[in-house]
Amino acid sequence: MSVMTNQAAPKYRRPTLMKTLKKHQASYLMIAPYFILFFFFTVLPVLMSVVVGFTNWNMLQPPEFVGWNNYVKLLIEDDIFMISLKNTLIFAVVTGPVSYMLCLLFAWIINEFNRGLRTFLTLVFYAPSICGNAYMVWNLILTGDRYGYLNGILLNLDIINEPILWMQTEAYVLPVLIVVQLWLSLGTGFLSFIAGLQTVDKSMYEAAAIDGIKNRWQELWFVTLPAMKPQLMFGAVMQITQSFAVADISINLAGNPSVNYAGATIVTHLLDYGSTRLDMGYASAIATILFLLMVGTNKLVQKLLGRVGE
């Protein structure tokens, strides 16, 4: 008769922080420069902004803690902020998905051409997003007299009888800004999609054809997009940031403030309080609201992209 002896299995001990750092010290040293810069110039300012949002601070006197007063004023008493919030959400809902789909569509089409033509078309589509004089071009197009390009064309075609003050007419301000934003939106996200399409393994298409994939749309949904999910996520983050952080377009074309605040956004409202009025507490509260909107939208997009290829 054999005697069975039960021996307790040794408990797993998680390595201490110091042991982990020592084991991977080379890796941590490599990322240390970036992490230090990222912490001091991104993470720390965001945390400080959240704290300052609970104070009354004009940069000349010491901050005074006021609790939730800035947020109460922002959400209940500030009518201009509500207009800015509405305009920003319209920008995000329209320009975000549309520009994202345009980036992906143009990248997919351009990727089918040979290398030389692909490079040329990529430059053509990407150039507006890095062109410093883009607003000058649109100012010429939208000039409110008969010498403006758009007014001149419409007058010659007898579509209108007199010049339209495009950026001084409330009804036209927001639609025009949306069009310009879409024109400028083929930026970093577009390049990431081009790069992602270049990394897809061509043998996956052959395997997919054997498994029953019959057309290019099925290839795109079941093969291409799942293979470039990191680029899709990066492009989504960039488009979310662009759509919520619209400011330069509105300021350069419509002015700040614009006519009846028709082109006002959260960022222009933030710049008004932060740069002009030097009310840093209130400006930080606005920035915190914008940050929460971006984070919430980013989480939603992550869930949607997780279903790609299903």
C-alpha atoms as a PDB file:
ATOM      1  CA  MET A   1       0.000   0.000   0.000  1.00  0.00           C
ATOM      2  CA  SER A   2       1.548   3.205  -1.124  1.00  0.00           C
ATOM      3  CA  VAL A   3       1.379   6.270   1.002  1.00  0.00           C
ATOM      4  CA  MET A   4       0.439   9.477  -0.820  1.00  0.00           C
ATOM      5  CA  THR A   5       1.945  12.608   0.574  1.00  0.00           C
ATOM      6  CA  ASN A   6       0.458  15.928  -0.323  1.00  0.00           C
ATOM      7  CA  GLN A   7       2.968  18.663  -0.705  1.00  0.00           C
ATOM      8  CA  ALA A   8       1.771  22.247  -0.929  1.00  0.00           C
ATOM      9  CA  ALA A   9       2.695  23.860  -4.188  1.00  0.00           C
ATOM     10  CA  PRO A  10       5.092  26.764  -3.751  1.00  0.00           C
ATOM     11  CA  LYS A  11       3.331  30.115  -3.735  1.00  0.00           C
ATOM     12  CA  TYR A  12       3.974  32.411  -6.652  1.00  0.00           C
ATOM     13  CA  ARG A  13       5.672  35.563  -5.565  1.00  0.00           C
ATOM     14  CA  ARG A  14       5.265  38.590  -7.739  1.00  0.00           C
ATOM     15  CA  PRO A  15       8.555  40.321  -8.417  1.00  0.00           C
ATOM     16  CA  THR A  16       9.049  43.575  -6.577  1.00  0.00           C
ATOM     17  CA  LEU A  17       9.222  46.880  -8.397  1.00  0.00           C
ATOM     18  CA  MET A  18      12.966  47.157  -7.869  1.00  0.00           C
ATOM     19  CA  LYS A  19      13.573  43.654  -9.256  1.00  0.00           C
ATOM     20  CA  THR A  20      11.454  44.436 -12.323  1.00  0.00           C
ATOM     21  CA  LEU A  21      13.324  47.688 -12.920  1.00  0.00           C
ATOM     22  CA  LYS A  22      16.666  45.956 -12.524  1.00  0.00           C
ATOM     23  CA  LYS A  23      15.688  43.101 -14.854  1.00  0.00           C
ATOM     24  CA  HIS A  24      14.529  45.441 -17.635  1.00  0.00           C
ATOM     25  CA  GLN A  25      16.791  48.384 -16.869  1.00  0.00           C
ATOM     26  CA  ALA A  26      18.065  48.647 -20.452  1.00  0.00           C
ATOM     27  CA  SER A  27      14.519  48.980 -21.814  1.00  0.00           C
ATOM     28  CA  TYR A  28      13.530  51.555 -19.204  1.00  0.00           C
ATOM     29  CA  LEU A  29      16.656  53.576 -19.918  1.00  0.00           C
ATOM     30  CA  MET A  30      15.765  53.628 -23.612  1.00  0.00           C
ATOM     31  CA  ILE A  31      12.246  54.977 -23.012  1.00  0.00           C
ATOM     32  CA  ALA A  32      13.261  57.312 -20.165  1.00  0.00           C
ATOM     33  CA  PRO A  33      13.942  60.430 -22.314  1.00  0.00           C
ATOM     34  CA  TYR A  34      10.561  60.218 -24.038  1.00  0.00           C
ATOM     35  CA  PHE A  35       8.738  59.377 -20.799  1.00  0.00           C
ATOM     36  CA  ILE A  36      10.289  62.337 -18.971  1.00  0.00           C
ATOM     37  CA  LEU A  37       9.313  64.756 -21.746  1.00  0.00           C
ATOM     38  CA  PHE A  38       5.839  63.219 -22.049  1.00  0.00           C
ATOM     39  CA  PHE A  39       5.250  63.433 -18.295  1.00  0.00           C
ATOM     40  CA  PHE A  40       6.403  67.029 -17.841  1.00  0.00           C
ATOM     41  CA  PHE A  41       4.882  68.456 -21.029  1.00  0.00           C
ATOM     42  CA  THR A  42       1.677  66.376 -21.355  1.00  0.00           C
ATOM     43  CA  VAL A  43       0.618  64.479 -18.227  1.00  0.00           C
ATOM     44  CA  LEU A  44       1.618  67.127 -15.664  1.00  0.00           C
ATOM     45  CA  PRO A  45      -0.061  70.054 -17.512  1.00  0.00           C
ATOM     46  CA  VAL A  46      -3.293  68.044 -17.803  1.00  0.00           C
ATOM     47  CA  LEU A  47      -3.276  67.257 -14.070  1.00  0.00           C
ATOM     48  CA  MET A  48      -2.467  70.872 -13.210  1.00  0.00           C
ATOM     49  CA  SER A  49      -5.287  72.078 -15.474  1.00  0.00           C
ATOM     50  CA  VAL A  50      -7.782  69.879 -13.625  1.00  0.00           C
ATOM     51  CA  VAL A  51      -6.633  71.330 -10.290  1.00  0.00           C
ATOM     52  CA  VAL A  52      -6.590  74.950 -11.524  1.00  0.00           C
ATOM     53  CA  GLY A  53     -10.163  74.456 -12.791  1.00  0.00           C
ATOM     54  CA  PHE A  54     -11.334  74.565  -9.156  1.00  0.00           C
ATOM     55  CA  THR A  55      -9.719  77.947  -8.518  1.00  0.00           C
ATOM     56  CA  ASN A  56     -10.072  81.600  -9.414  1.00  0.00           C
ATOM     57  CA  TRP A  57      -6.674  82.607 -10.800  1.00  0.00           C
ATOM     58  CA  ASN A  58      -5.763  85.590 -12.982  1.00  0.00           C
ATOM     59  CA  MET A  59      -1.982  84.833 -13.023  1.00  0.00           C
ATOM     60  CA  LEU A  60      -1.298  88.069 -11.108  1.00  0.00           C
ATOM     61  CA  GLN A  61      -2.636  87.003  -7.725  1.00  0.00           C
ATOM     62  CA  PRO A  62      -2.406  83.684  -5.864  1.00  0.00           C
ATOM     63  CA  PRO A  63      -5.070  81.100  -6.874  1.00  0.00           C
ATOM     64  CA  GLU A  64      -8.246  81.160  -4.776  1.00  0.00           C
ATOM     65  CA  PHE A  65     -10.111  77.883  -4.311  1.00  0.00           C
ATOM     66  CA  VAL A  66     -13.741  78.235  -5.447  1.00  0.00           C
ATOM     67  CA  GLY A  67     -14.818  74.584  -5.658  1.00  0.00           C
ATOM     68  CA  TRP A  68     -17.331  73.797  -8.397  1.00  0.00           C
ATOM     69  CA  ASN A  69     -18.196  77.452  -9.109  1.00  0.00           C
ATOM     70  CA  ASN A  70     -16.406  77.510 -12.470  1.00  0.00           C
ATOM     71  CA  TYR A  71     -18.262  74.410 -13.662  1.00  0.00           C
ATOM     72  CA  VAL A  72     -21.633  75.685 -12.405  1.00  0.00           C
ATOM     73  CA  LYS A  73     -21.092  78.977 -14.243  1.00  0.00           C
ATOM     74  CA  LEU A  74     -19.877  77.140 -17.339  1.00  0.00           C
ATOM     75  CA  LEU A  75     -22.800  74.731 -17.658  1.00  0.00           C
ATOM     76  CA  ILE A  76     -25.649  76.915 -16.351  1.00  0.00           C
ATOM     77  CA  GLU A  77     -24.837  80.601 -16.829  1.00  0.00           C
ATOM     78  CA  ASP A  78     -22.491  80.766 -19.827  1.00  0.00           C
ATOM     79  CA  ASP A  79     -24.684  80.956 -22.940  1.00  0.00           C
ATOM     80  CA  ILE A  80     -21.680  81.414 -25.235  1.00  0.00           C
ATOM     81  CA  PHE A  81     -20.177  78.159 -23.992  1.00  0.00           C
ATOM     82  CA  MET A  82     -23.395  76.310 -24.846  1.00  0.00           C
ATOM     83  CA  ILE A  83     -23.253  77.746 -28.382  1.00  0.00           C
ATOM     84  CA  SER A  84     -19.578  76.749 -28.603  1.00  0.00           C
ATOM     85  CA  LEU A  85     -20.385  73.258 -27.318  1.00  0.00           C
ATOM     86  CA  LYS A  86     -23.146  72.839 -29.908  1.00  0.00           C
ATOM     87  CA  ASN A  87     -20.869  73.996 -32.728  1.00  0.00           C
ATOM     88  CA  THR A  88     -18.043  71.722 -31.561  1.00  0.00           C
ATOM     89  CA  LEU A  89     -20.337  68.690 -31.405  1.00  0.00           C
ATOM     90  CA  ILE A  90     -21.608  69.462 -34.921  1.00  0.00           C
ATOM     91  CA  PHE A  91     -17.990  69.692 -36.097  1.00  0.00           C
ATOM     92  CA  ALA A  92     -17.141  66.401 -34.392  1.00  0.00           C
ATOM     93  CA  VAL A  93     -20.207  64.505 -35.640  1.00  0.00           C
ATOM     94  CA  VAL A  94     -19.856  65.725 -39.241  1.00  0.00           C
ATOM     95  CA  THR A  95     -16.127  66.179 -39.856  1.00  0.00           C
ATOM     96  CA  GLY A  96     -14.899  63.340 -37.621  1.00  0.00           C
ATOM     97  CA  PRO A  97     -16.576  60.319 -39.304  1.00  0.00           C
ATOM     98  CA  VAL A  98     -16.637  61.890 -42.791  1.00  0.00           C
ATOM     99  CA  SER A  99     -12.946  62.845 -42.778  1.00  0.00           C
ATOM    100  CA  TYR A 100     -12.044  59.449 -41.272  1.00  0.00           C
ATOM    101  CA  MET A 101     -13.882  57.601 -44.042  1.00  0.00           C
ATOM    102  CA  LEU A 102     -12.401  59.904 -46.708  1.00  0.00           C
ATOM    103  CA  CYS A 103      -8.884  59.269 -45.367  1.00  0.00           C
ATOM    104  CA  LEU A 104      -9.450  55.510 -45.485  1.00  0.00           C
ATOM    105  CA  LEU A 105     -11.151  55.564 -48.897  1.00  0.00           C
ATOM    106  CA  PHE A 106      -8.506  57.719 -50.588  1.00  0.00           C
ATOM    107  CA  ALA A 107      -5.694  55.706 -48.969  1.00  0.00           C
ATOM    108  CA  TRP A 108      -7.265  52.454 -50.194  1.00  0.00           C
ATOM    109  CA  ILE A 109      -7.652  53.773 -53.748  1.00  0.00           C
ATOM    110  CA  ILE A 110      -4.185  55.356 -53.885  1.00  0.00           C
ATOM    111  CA  ASN A 111      -2.583  52.151 -52.608  1.00  0.00           C
ATOM    112  CA  GLU A 112      -3.673  50.369 -55.803  1.00  0.00           C
ATOM    113  CA  PHE A 113      -1.451  52.532 -58.036  1.00  0.00           C
ATOM    114  CA  ASN A 114       2.210  51.979 -58.822  1.00  0.00           C
ATOM    115  CA  ARG A 115       4.849  53.408 -56.509  1.00  0.00           C
ATOM    116  CA  GLY A 116       5.585  56.630 -58.414  1.00  0.00           C
ATOM    117  CA  LEU A 117       1.955  57.646 -58.934  1.00  0.00           C
ATOM    118  CA  ARG A 118       1.105  56.594 -55.367  1.00  0.00           C
ATOM    119  CA  THR A 119       3.811  58.871 -53.971  1.00  0.00           C
ATOM    120  CA  PHE A 120       2.646  61.816 -56.091  1.00  0.00           C
ATOM    121  CA  LEU A 121      -1.038  61.400 -55.128  1.00  0.00           C
ATOM    122  CA  THR A 122      -0.140  61.023 -51.458  1.00  0.00           C
ATOM    123  CA  LEU A 123       1.710  64.347 -51.604  1.00  0.00           C
ATOM    124  CA  VAL A 124      -1.210  66.030 -53.407  1.00  0.00           C
ATOM    125  CA  PHE A 125      -3.763  64.899 -50.823  1.00  0.00           C
ATOM    126  CA  TYR A 126      -1.505  65.496 -47.805  1.00  0.00           C
ATOM    127  CA  ALA A 127      -0.181  68.926 -48.827  1.00  0.00           C
ATOM    128  CA  PRO A 128      -3.211  71.032 -47.729  1.00  0.00           C
ATOM    129  CA  SER A 129      -2.889  69.842 -44.120  1.00  0.00           C
ATOM    130  CA  ILE A 130       0.674  71.217 -43.863  1.00  0.00           C
ATOM    131  CA  CYS A 131       0.202  74.309 -46.023  1.00  0.00           C
ATOM    132  CA  GLY A 132       0.694  77.418 -43.913  1.00  0.00           C
ATOM    133  CA  ASN A 133      -1.126  79.658 -46.436  1.00  0.00           C
ATOM    134  CA  ALA A 134      -4.254  77.503 -46.649  1.00  0.00           C
ATOM    135  CA  TYR A 135      -6.344  80.191 -44.936  1.00  0.00           C
ATOM    136  CA  MET A 136      -5.115  82.806 -47.414  1.00  0.00           C
ATOM    137  CA  VAL A 137      -6.429  80.653 -50.267  1.00  0.00           C
ATOM    138  CA  TRP A 138      -9.850  80.339 -48.658  1.00  0.00           C
ATOM    139  CA  ASN A 139      -9.931  84.043 -47.810  1.00  0.00           C
ATOM    140  CA  LEU A 140      -9.482  84.778 -51.522  1.00  0.00           C
ATOM    141  CA  ILE A 141     -12.214  82.298 -52.427  1.00  0.00           C
ATOM    142  CA  LEU A 142     -14.673  83.611 -49.814  1.00  0.00           C
ATOM    143  CA  THR A 143     -14.059  87.353 -50.173  1.00  0.00           C
ATOM    144  CA  GLY A 144     -17.399  89.104 -49.690  1.00  0.00           C
ATOM    145  CA  ASP A 145     -17.246  91.305 -52.815  1.00  0.00           C
ATOM    146  CA  ARG A 146     -17.598  90.520 -56.516  1.00  0.00           C
ATOM    147  CA  TYR A 147     -13.824  89.948 -56.756  1.00  0.00           C
ATOM    148  CA  GLY A 148     -14.022  86.888 -54.530  1.00  0.00           C
ATOM    149  CA  TYR A 149     -13.604  83.715 -56.594  1.00  0.00           C
ATOM    150  CA  LEU A 150     -16.788  82.049 -55.341  1.00  0.00           C
ATOM    151  CA  ASN A 151     -18.913  85.182 -55.712  1.00  0.00           C
ATOM    152  CA  GLY A 152     -17.425  85.827 -59.164  1.00  0.00           C
ATOM    153  CA  ILE A 153     -18.309  82.340 -60.409  1.00  0.00           C
ATOM    154  CA  LEU A 154     -21.845  82.482 -59.006  1.00  0.00           C
ATOM    155  CA  LEU A 155     -22.420  85.965 -60.470  1.00  0.00           C
ATOM    156  CA  ASN A 156     -21.175  84.905 -63.908  1.00  0.00           C
ATOM    157  CA  LEU A 157     -23.518  81.919 -63.846  1.00  0.00           C
ATOM    158  CA  ASP A 158     -26.437  84.190 -62.768  1.00  0.00           C
ATOM    159  CA  ILE A 159     -27.001  82.027 -59.696  1.00  0.00           C
ATOM    160  CA  ILE A 160     -26.878  85.103 -57.426  1.00  0.00           C
ATOM    161  CA  ASN A 161     -27.639  88.767 -58.166  1.00  0.00           C
ATOM    162  CA  GLU A 162     -25.284  90.364 -55.673  1.00  0.00           C
ATOM    163  CA  PRO A 163     -22.162  89.286 -53.753  1.00  0.00           C
ATOM    164  CA  ILE A 164     -22.659  87.279 -50.573  1.00  0.00           C
ATOM    165  CA  LEU A 165     -20.750  88.107 -47.386  1.00  0.00           C
ATOM    166  CA  TRP A 166     -19.933  84.488 -46.724  1.00  0.00           C
ATOM    167  CA  MET A 167     -18.111  84.848 -43.397  1.00  0.00           C
ATOM    168  CA  GLN A 168     -20.276  87.732 -42.149  1.00  0.00           C
ATOM    169  CA  THR A 169     -23.586  85.901 -42.672  1.00  0.00           C
ATOM    170  CA  GLU A 170     -24.505  83.694 -39.727  1.00  0.00           C
ATOM    171  CA  ALA A 171     -26.209  81.004 -41.816  1.00  0.00           C
ATOM    172  CA  TYR A 172     -23.083  80.368 -43.934  1.00  0.00           C
ATOM    173  CA  VAL A 173     -20.329  80.501 -41.316  1.00  0.00           C
ATOM    174  CA  LEU A 174     -20.554  76.995 -39.842  1.00  0.00           C
ATOM    175  CA  PRO A 175     -21.163  75.115 -43.152  1.00  0.00           C
ATOM    176  CA  VAL A 176     -18.207  76.904 -44.764  1.00  0.00           C
ATOM    177  CA  LEU A 177     -15.953  76.094 -41.807  1.00  0.00           C
ATOM    178  CA  ILE A 178     -16.981  72.429 -42.012  1.00  0.00           C
ATOM    179  CA  VAL A 179     -16.076  72.304 -45.724  1.00  0.00           C
ATOM    180  CA  VAL A 180     -12.668  73.877 -45.068  1.00  0.00           C
ATOM    181  CA  GLN A 181     -12.034  71.488 -42.178  1.00  0.00           C
ATOM    182  CA  LEU A 182     -12.806  68.510 -44.417  1.00  0.00           C
ATOM    183  CA  TRP A 183     -10.418  69.886 -47.052  1.00  0.00           C
ATOM    184  CA  LEU A 184      -7.655  70.109 -44.454  1.00  0.00           C
ATOM    185  CA  SER A 185      -8.408  66.787 -42.755  1.00  0.00           C
ATOM    186  CA  LEU A 186      -6.288  64.460 -44.921  1.00  0.00           C
ATOM    187  CA  GLY A 187      -3.313  64.714 -42.607  1.00  0.00           C
ATOM    188  CA  THR A 188      -1.480  62.342 -40.292  1.00  0.00           C
ATOM    189  CA  GLY A 189      -4.351  59.852 -40.178  1.00  0.00           C
ATOM    190  CA  PHE A 190      -4.271  59.613 -43.982  1.00  0.00           C
ATOM    191  CA  LEU A 191      -0.531  58.853 -43.923  1.00  0.00           C
ATOM    192  CA  SER A 192      -1.029  56.196 -41.232  1.00  0.00           C
ATOM    193  CA  PHE A 193      -3.620  54.452 -43.412  1.00  0.00           C
ATOM    194  CA  ILE A 194      -1.241  54.507 -46.388  1.00  0.00           C
ATOM    195  CA  ALA A 195       1.461  52.980 -44.190  1.00  0.00           C
ATOM    196  CA  GLY A 196      -0.953  50.388 -42.776  1.00  0.00           C
ATOM    197  CA  LEU A 197      -2.044  49.257 -46.224  1.00  0.00           C
ATOM    198  CA  GLN A 198       1.607  48.767 -47.195  1.00  0.00           C
ATOM    199  CA  THR A 199       2.158  46.354 -44.291  1.00  0.00           C
ATOM    200  CA  VAL A 200      -0.701  43.950 -45.094  1.00  0.00           C
ATOM    201  CA  ASP A 201       0.705  40.533 -46.057  1.00  0.00           C
ATOM    202  CA  LYS A 202      -0.310  39.797 -49.661  1.00  0.00           C
ATOM    203  CA  SER A 203      -0.537  36.058 -48.942  1.00  0.00           C
ATOM    204  CA  MET A 204      -3.518  36.781 -46.693  1.00  0.00           C
ATOM    205  CA  TYR A 205      -5.562  37.727 -49.771  1.00  0.00           C
ATOM    206  CA  GLU A 206      -4.733  34.399 -51.436  1.00  0.00           C
ATOM    207  CA  ALA A 207      -5.774  32.502 -48.291  1.00  0.00           C
ATOM    208  CA  ALA A 208      -8.951  34.582 -48.067  1.00  0.00           C
ATOM    209  CA  ALA A 209      -9.829  33.746 -51.696  1.00  0.00           C
ATOM    210  CA  ILE A 210      -9.505  30.032 -50.890  1.00  0.00           C
ATOM    211  CA  ASP A 211     -11.773  30.539 -47.856  1.00  0.00           C
ATOM    212  CA  GLY A 212     -14.521  32.062 -49.972  1.00  0.00           C
ATOM    213  CA  ILE A 213     -13.854  35.807 -50.190  1.00  0.00           C
ATOM    214  CA  LYS A 214     -15.457  36.852 -53.482  1.00  0.00           C
ATOM    215  CA  ASN A 215     -14.995  40.607 -53.995  1.00  0.00           C
ATOM    216  CA  ARG A 216     -12.874  43.602 -52.978  1.00  0.00           C
ATOM    217  CA  TRP A 217     -15.329  44.846 -50.362  1.00  0.00           C
ATOM    218  CA  GLN A 218     -15.155  41.504 -48.541  1.00  0.00           C
ATOM    219  CA  GLU A 219     -11.365  41.666 -48.802  1.00  0.00           C
ATOM    220  CA  LEU A 220     -11.421  45.134 -47.254  1.00  0.00           C
ATOM    221  CA  TRP A 221     -13.694  44.166 -44.360  1.00  0.00           C
ATOM    222  CA  PHE A 222     -12.413  40.683 -43.499  1.00  0.00           C
ATOM    223  CA  VAL A 223      -8.707  40.968 -44.429  1.00  0.00           C
ATOM    224  CA  THR A 224      -7.393  44.503 -44.900  1.00  0.00           C
ATOM    225  CA  LEU A 225      -9.042  46.352 -42.010  1.00  0.00           C
ATOM    226  CA  PRO A 226      -8.396  43.667 -39.330  1.00  0.00           C
ATOM    227  CA  ALA A 227      -4.729  43.583 -40.411  1.00  0.00           C
ATOM    228  CA  MET A 228      -4.313  47.327 -39.881  1.00  0.00           C
ATOM    229  CA  LYS A 229      -6.228  47.863 -36.628  1.00  0.00           C
ATOM    230  CA  PRO A 230      -3.323  49.759 -34.974  1.00  0.00           C
ATOM    231  CA  GLN A 231      -3.306  52.273 -37.823  1.00  0.00           C
ATOM    232  CA  LEU A 232      -7.105  52.519 -37.686  1.00  0.00           C
ATOM    233  CA  MET A 233      -6.932  53.330 -33.984  1.00  0.00           C
ATOM    234  CA  PHE A 234      -4.177  55.892 -34.473  1.00  0.00           C
ATOM    235  CA  GLY A 235      -6.082  57.533 -37.311  1.00  0.00           C
ATOM    236  CA  ALA A 236      -9.239  57.653 -35.178  1.00  0.00           C
ATOM    237  CA  VAL A 237      -7.390  59.370 -32.326  1.00  0.00           C
ATOM    238  CA  MET A 238      -5.955  61.957 -34.709  1.00  0.00           C
ATOM    239  CA  GLN A 239      -9.337  62.660 -36.325  1.00  0.00           C
ATOM    240  CA  ILE A 240     -11.042  62.963 -32.923  1.00  0.00           C
ATOM    241  CA  THR A 241      -8.390  65.449 -31.807  1.00  0.00           C
ATOM    242  CA  GLN A 242      -8.745  67.499 -35.001  1.00  0.00           C
ATOM    243  CA  SER A 243     -12.549  67.564 -34.934  1.00  0.00           C
ATOM    244  CA  PHE A 244     -12.803  68.629 -31.275  1.00  0.00           C
ATOM    245  CA  ALA A 245      -9.862  71.056 -31.342  1.00  0.00           C
ATOM    246  CA  VAL A 246     -11.068  73.250 -34.222  1.00  0.00           C
ATOM    247  CA  ALA A 247      -9.968  76.848 -33.605  1.00  0.00           C
ATOM    248  CA  ASP A 248      -7.499  78.192 -36.168  1.00  0.00           C
ATOM    249  CA  ILE A 249      -9.951  77.773 -39.036  1.00  0.00           C
ATOM    250  CA  SER A 250     -12.670  79.710 -37.220  1.00  0.00           C
ATOM    251  CA  ILE A 251     -10.331  82.485 -36.040  1.00  0.00           C
ATOM    252  CA  ASN A 252      -8.664  83.016 -39.427  1.00  0.00           C
ATOM    253  CA  LEU A 253     -11.815  82.880 -41.549  1.00  0.00           C
ATOM    254  CA  ALA A 254     -14.650  84.049 -39.286  1.00  0.00           C
ATOM    255  CA  GLY A 255     -12.763  85.963 -36.602  1.00  0.00           C
ATOM    256  CA  ASN A 256     -12.969  85.646 -32.843  1.00  0.00           C
ATOM    257  CA  PRO A 257     -15.677  86.379 -31.930  1.00  0.00           C
ATOM    258  CA  SER A 258     -17.498  85.449 -35.133  1.00  0.00           C
ATOM    259  CA  VAL A 259     -20.904  86.818 -36.168  1.00  0.00           C
ATOM    260  CA  ASN A 260     -23.314  85.952 -33.330  1.00  0.00           C
ATOM    261  CA  TYR A 261     -20.728  83.330 -32.308  1.00  0.00           C
ATOM    262  CA  ALA A 262     -21.782  81.225 -35.319  1.00  0.00           C
ATOM    263  CA  GLY A 263     -18.219  79.905 -35.684  1.00  0.00           C
ATOM    264  CA  ALA A 264     -17.368  79.711 -31.986  1.00  0.00           C
ATOM    265  CA  THR A 265     -15.970  76.418 -30.678  1.00  0.00           C
ATOM    266  CA  ILE A 266     -14.880  75.203 -27.258  1.00  0.00           C
ATOM    267  CA  VAL A 267     -11.248  75.954 -28.083  1.00  0.00           C
ATOM    268  CA  THR A 268     -11.967  79.527 -29.256  1.00  0.00           C
ATOM    269  CA  HIS A 269     -13.945  80.065 -26.049  1.00  0.00           C
ATOM    270  CA  LEU A 270     -11.005  78.656 -24.071  1.00  0.00           C
ATOM    271  CA  LEU A 271      -8.569  80.977 -25.863  1.00  0.00           C
ATOM    272  CA  ASP A 272     -10.811  83.945 -25.116  1.00  0.00           C
ATOM    273  CA  TYR A 273     -10.689  83.325 -21.369  1.00  0.00           C
ATOM    274  CA  GLY A 274      -7.158  81.969 -21.192  1.00  0.00           C
ATOM    275  CA  SER A 275      -5.261  84.313 -23.541  1.00  0.00           C
ATOM    276  CA  THR A 276      -7.383  87.475 -23.585  1.00  0.00           C
ATOM    277  CA  ARG A 277      -9.072  87.678 -20.181  1.00  0.00           C
ATOM    278  CA  LEU A 278      -6.346  85.715 -18.313  1.00  0.00           C
ATOM    279  CA  ASP A 279      -9.009  83.892 -16.284  1.00  0.00           C
ATOM    280  CA  MET A 280      -6.970  80.709 -16.014  1.00  0.00           C
ATOM    281  CA  GLY A 281      -9.310  78.973 -13.573  1.00  0.00           C
ATOM    282  CA  TYR A 282     -12.300  79.285 -15.877  1.00  0.00           C
ATOM    283  CA  ALA A 283     -10.195  78.436 -18.938  1.00  0.00           C
ATOM    284  CA  SER A 284      -8.916  75.303 -17.198  1.00  0.00           C
ATOM    285  CA  ALA A 285     -12.491  74.243 -16.432  1.00  0.00           C
ATOM    286  CA  ILE A 286     -13.304  74.588 -20.147  1.00  0.00           C
ATOM    287  CA  ALA A 287     -10.202  72.553 -21.021  1.00  0.00           C
ATOM    288  CA  THR A 288     -11.235  69.812 -18.584  1.00  0.00           C
ATOM    289  CA  ILE A 289     -14.688  69.537 -20.167  1.00  0.00           C
ATOM    290  CA  LEU A 290     -13.064  69.281 -23.601  1.00  0.00           C
ATOM    291  CA  PHE A 291     -10.639  66.627 -22.328  1.00  0.00           C
ATOM    292  CA  LEU A 292     -13.504  64.521 -20.952  1.00  0.00           C
ATOM    293  CA  LEU A 293     -15.387  64.801 -24.254  1.00  0.00           C
ATOM    294  CA  MET A 294     -12.319  63.600 -26.157  1.00  0.00           C
ATOM    295  CA  VAL A 295     -11.687  60.688 -23.781  1.00  0.00           C
ATOM    296  CA  GLY A 296     -15.328  59.571 -23.897  1.00  0.00           C
ATOM    297  CA  THR A 297     -15.412  59.723 -27.689  1.00  0.00           C
ATOM    298  CA  ASN A 298     -12.118  57.843 -27.886  1.00  0.00           C
ATOM    299  CA  LYS A 299     -13.505  55.009 -25.718  1.00  0.00           C
ATOM    300  CA  LEU A 300     -16.605  54.789 -27.929  1.00  0.00           C
ATOM    301  CA  VAL A 301     -14.494  54.625 -31.088  1.00  0.00           C
ATOM    302  CA  GLN A 302     -12.315  51.895 -29.563  1.00  0.00           C
ATOM    303  CA  LYS A 303     -15.405  49.729 -29.029  1.00  0.00           C
ATOM    304  CA  LEU A 304     -16.607  50.329 -32.580  1.00  0.00           C
ATOM    305  CA  LEU A 305     -13.210  49.526 -34.117  1.00  0.00           C
ATOM    306  CA  GLY A 306     -13.074  46.342 -32.035  1.00  0.00           C
ATOM    307  CA  ARG A 307     -15.935  44.994 -34.170  1.00  0.00           C
ATOM    308  CA  VAL A 308     -14.093  45.434 -37.457  1.00  0.00           C
ATOM    309  CA  GLY A 309     -13.938  42.154 -39.335  1.00  0.00           C
ATOM    310  CA  GLU A 310     -16.653  40.433 -37.291  1.00  0.00           C
END
